[in-house]
Protein backbone atom coordinates (compact mmCIF):
# COMPACT_ATOMS: atom_id res chain seq x y z
CA UNK A 1 0.29 -0.31 0.14
CA UNK A 2 0.96 3.42 -0.89
CA UNK A 3 2.47 5.22 2.24
CA UNK A 4 1.92 8.95 1.10
CA UNK A 5 -0.66 10.99 2.93
CA UNK A 6 -3.01 12.69 0.56
CA UNK A 7 -1.05 16.07 0.89
CA UNK A 8 1.89 14.50 -0.71
CA UNK A 9 -0.36 12.75 -3.52
CA UNK A 10 -1.77 15.93 -4.00
CA UNK A 11 1.05 18.01 -4.22
CA UNK A 12 2.56 15.73 -6.60
CA UNK A 13 -0.60 15.73 -8.64
CA UNK A 14 -0.21 19.30 -8.72
CA UNK A 15 3.40 19.11 -10.23
CA UNK A 16 2.01 17.04 -13.07
CA UNK A 17 2.12 13.19 -11.51
CA UNK A 18 -1.34 12.40 -12.61
CA UNK A 19 -0.97 8.71 -10.91
CA UNK A 20 -1.05 10.41 -7.92
CA UNK A 21 -4.42 11.26 -8.39
CA UNK A 22 -5.32 7.41 -8.92
CA UNK A 23 -3.69 6.69 -5.67
CA UNK A 24 -6.21 9.18 -3.78
CA UNK A 25 -8.94 7.20 -5.68
CA UNK A 26 -8.07 4.35 -4.86
CA UNK A 27 -7.80 5.36 -1.12
CA UNK A 28 -10.97 6.70 -1.23
CA UNK A 29 -13.33 5.08 -3.82
CA UNK A 30 -15.02 2.89 -1.41
CA UNK A 31 -16.19 5.55 0.77
CA UNK A 32 -17.59 7.82 -2.12
CA UNK A 33 -19.44 4.60 -3.48
CA UNK A 34 -20.52 3.90 -0.17
CA UNK A 35 -22.06 7.73 0.35
CA UNK A 36 -23.71 7.28 -2.53
CA UNK A 37 -25.24 4.42 -2.31
CA UNK A 38 -26.62 5.29 1.41
CA UNK A 39 -28.30 8.31 -0.24
CA UNK A 40 -29.43 6.81 -3.48
CA UNK A 41 -31.11 3.37 -3.61
CA UNK A 42 -30.41 2.78 -7.45
CA UNK A 43 -26.90 0.91 -7.25
CA UNK A 44 -26.02 2.12 -10.38
CA UNK A 45 -26.98 5.59 -10.19
CA UNK A 46 -25.20 5.56 -6.90
CA UNK A 47 -22.33 4.23 -8.74
CA UNK A 48 -22.15 7.18 -11.34
CA UNK A 49 -23.04 9.81 -8.91
CA UNK A 50 -19.73 8.46 -6.99
CA UNK A 51 -17.89 8.99 -10.42
CA UNK A 52 -19.35 12.48 -11.33
CA UNK A 53 -17.85 13.25 -7.40
CA UNK A 54 -14.39 11.73 -8.36
CA UNK A 55 -14.17 13.67 -11.26
CA UNK A 56 -15.39 16.78 -9.82
CA UNK A 57 -12.97 16.93 -7.58
CA UNK A 58 -10.10 16.27 -9.94
CA UNK A 59 -11.32 18.82 -12.00
CA UNK A 60 -11.59 21.55 -8.77
CA UNK A 61 -8.27 20.23 -7.11
CA UNK A 62 -7.02 23.59 -8.00
CA UNK A 63 -9.51 24.93 -5.08
CA UNK A 64 -8.69 22.80 -2.21
CA UNK A 65 -6.87 25.05 -0.08
CA UNK A 66 -5.79 22.60 2.83
CA UNK A 67 -4.78 19.27 0.96
CA UNK A 68 -4.39 17.60 4.32
CA UNK A 69 -8.12 17.75 3.91
CA UNK A 70 -8.74 16.15 0.64
CA UNK A 71 -10.90 13.36 2.41
CA UNK A 72 -13.51 15.51 3.96
CA UNK A 73 -13.44 17.49 0.86
CA UNK A 74 -14.00 14.56 -1.30
CA UNK A 75 -16.87 13.55 1.26
CA UNK A 76 -18.45 17.19 0.62
CA UNK A 77 -18.41 17.04 -2.79
CA UNK A 78 -20.07 13.47 -2.59
CA UNK A 79 -22.55 14.47 -0.55
CA UNK A 80 -23.11 17.90 -2.53
CA UNK A 81 -23.52 15.63 -5.58
CA UNK A 82 -25.61 12.97 -4.44
CA UNK A 83 -27.90 15.80 -2.76
CA UNK A 84 -28.05 17.81 -6.34
CA UNK A 85 -29.58 14.89 -7.94
CA UNK A 86 -32.04 14.03 -5.49
CA UNK A 87 -33.51 17.64 -5.52
CA UNK A 88 -32.99 17.57 -9.37
CA UNK A 89 -35.61 14.22 -8.98
CA UNK A 90 -37.88 15.63 -6.62
CA UNK A 91 -38.46 19.02 -9.03
CA UNK A 92 -39.03 16.59 -11.85
CA UNK A 93 -41.75 14.59 -9.76
CA UNK A 94 -42.88 17.62 -8.52
CA UNK A 95 -42.92 19.84 -11.80
CA UNK A 96 -46.45 21.16 -12.66
CA UNK A 97 -46.12 18.76 -15.85
CA UNK A 98 -45.87 15.64 -13.81
CA UNK A 99 -48.59 16.99 -11.96
CA UNK A 100 -50.44 17.14 -14.89
CA UNK A 101 -49.72 14.11 -16.16
CA UNK A 102 -47.48 15.05 -19.06
CA UNK A 103 -44.63 13.85 -17.56
CA UNK A 104 -44.28 10.25 -16.15
CA UNK A 105 -41.79 9.01 -13.73
CA UNK A 106 -40.85 5.91 -12.43
CA UNK A 107 -38.93 7.39 -9.27
CA UNK A 108 -40.37 7.00 -6.02
CA UNK A 109 -39.19 9.40 -3.24
CA UNK A 110 -39.77 9.76 0.09
CA UNK A 111 -42.06 12.71 0.89
CA UNK A 112 -41.13 15.01 3.53
CA UNK A 113 -44.01 17.63 4.52
CA UNK A 114 -42.92 20.21 1.79
CA UNK A 115 -45.43 19.48 -0.67
CA UNK A 116 -49.34 18.55 0.76
CA UNK A 117 -52.51 18.02 -1.05
CA UNK A 118 -53.57 21.71 -1.27
CA UNK A 119 -50.30 22.72 -2.83
CA UNK A 120 -51.16 20.24 -5.83
CA UNK A 121 -54.16 21.32 -6.13
CA UNK A 122 -53.57 24.86 -5.95
CA UNK A 123 -50.87 24.19 -9.06
CA UNK A 124 -53.80 22.08 -10.83
CA UNK A 125 -55.84 25.24 -10.40
CA UNK A 126 -53.37 27.37 -11.89
CA UNK A 127 -52.55 25.12 -14.91
CA UNK A 128 -56.01 25.08 -15.52
CA UNK A 129 -56.40 29.01 -15.79
CA UNK A 130 -53.42 29.64 -17.75
CA UNK A 131 -54.64 27.00 -20.28
CA UNK A 132 -58.26 28.50 -20.31
CA UNK A 133 -56.55 31.92 -20.98
CA UNK A 134 -53.89 30.86 -23.34
CA UNK A 135 -57.05 29.19 -25.78
CA UNK A 136 -59.23 32.42 -25.18
CA UNK A 137 -56.58 34.17 -26.90
CA UNK A 138 -56.90 35.24 -30.80
CA UNK A 139 -55.89 32.92 -33.09
CA UNK A 140 -52.90 35.51 -34.13
CA UNK A 141 -51.54 35.68 -30.85
CA UNK A 142 -51.92 31.96 -29.83
CA UNK A 143 -49.34 31.38 -32.49
CA UNK A 144 -46.65 32.98 -30.74
CA UNK A 145 -47.24 30.82 -27.66
CA UNK A 146 -45.89 27.20 -29.52
């Protein structure tokens, strides 16, 4: 096993040794994948998110101020990528198109109390009002909405 510290590997990486980052990945990949799998139920998606986190760390390495904190920095990147993915999925499920039936999603999420039936009903009513207003426009005007 490589005895160099994360900080030493990062210094070498910044010096042009791209293999040093490979050593960092070997050292921390299990942690990254474990975090992603705990946050996302789908194993394949979790693996993809873990890869995205590692790539982001590689591309953002010049933003790391304290090389000795690489592990916690990578941990934070992984959490942020997974949270972003989950938020995007939640937004897709809660989008007006999804509520109205225009977009179908196979994703099942654990809803918290932030969206209640009242909110969904209000979104449905708003959509109906907008659609009625759009349909009542003169034919010349409505062609610009397409």
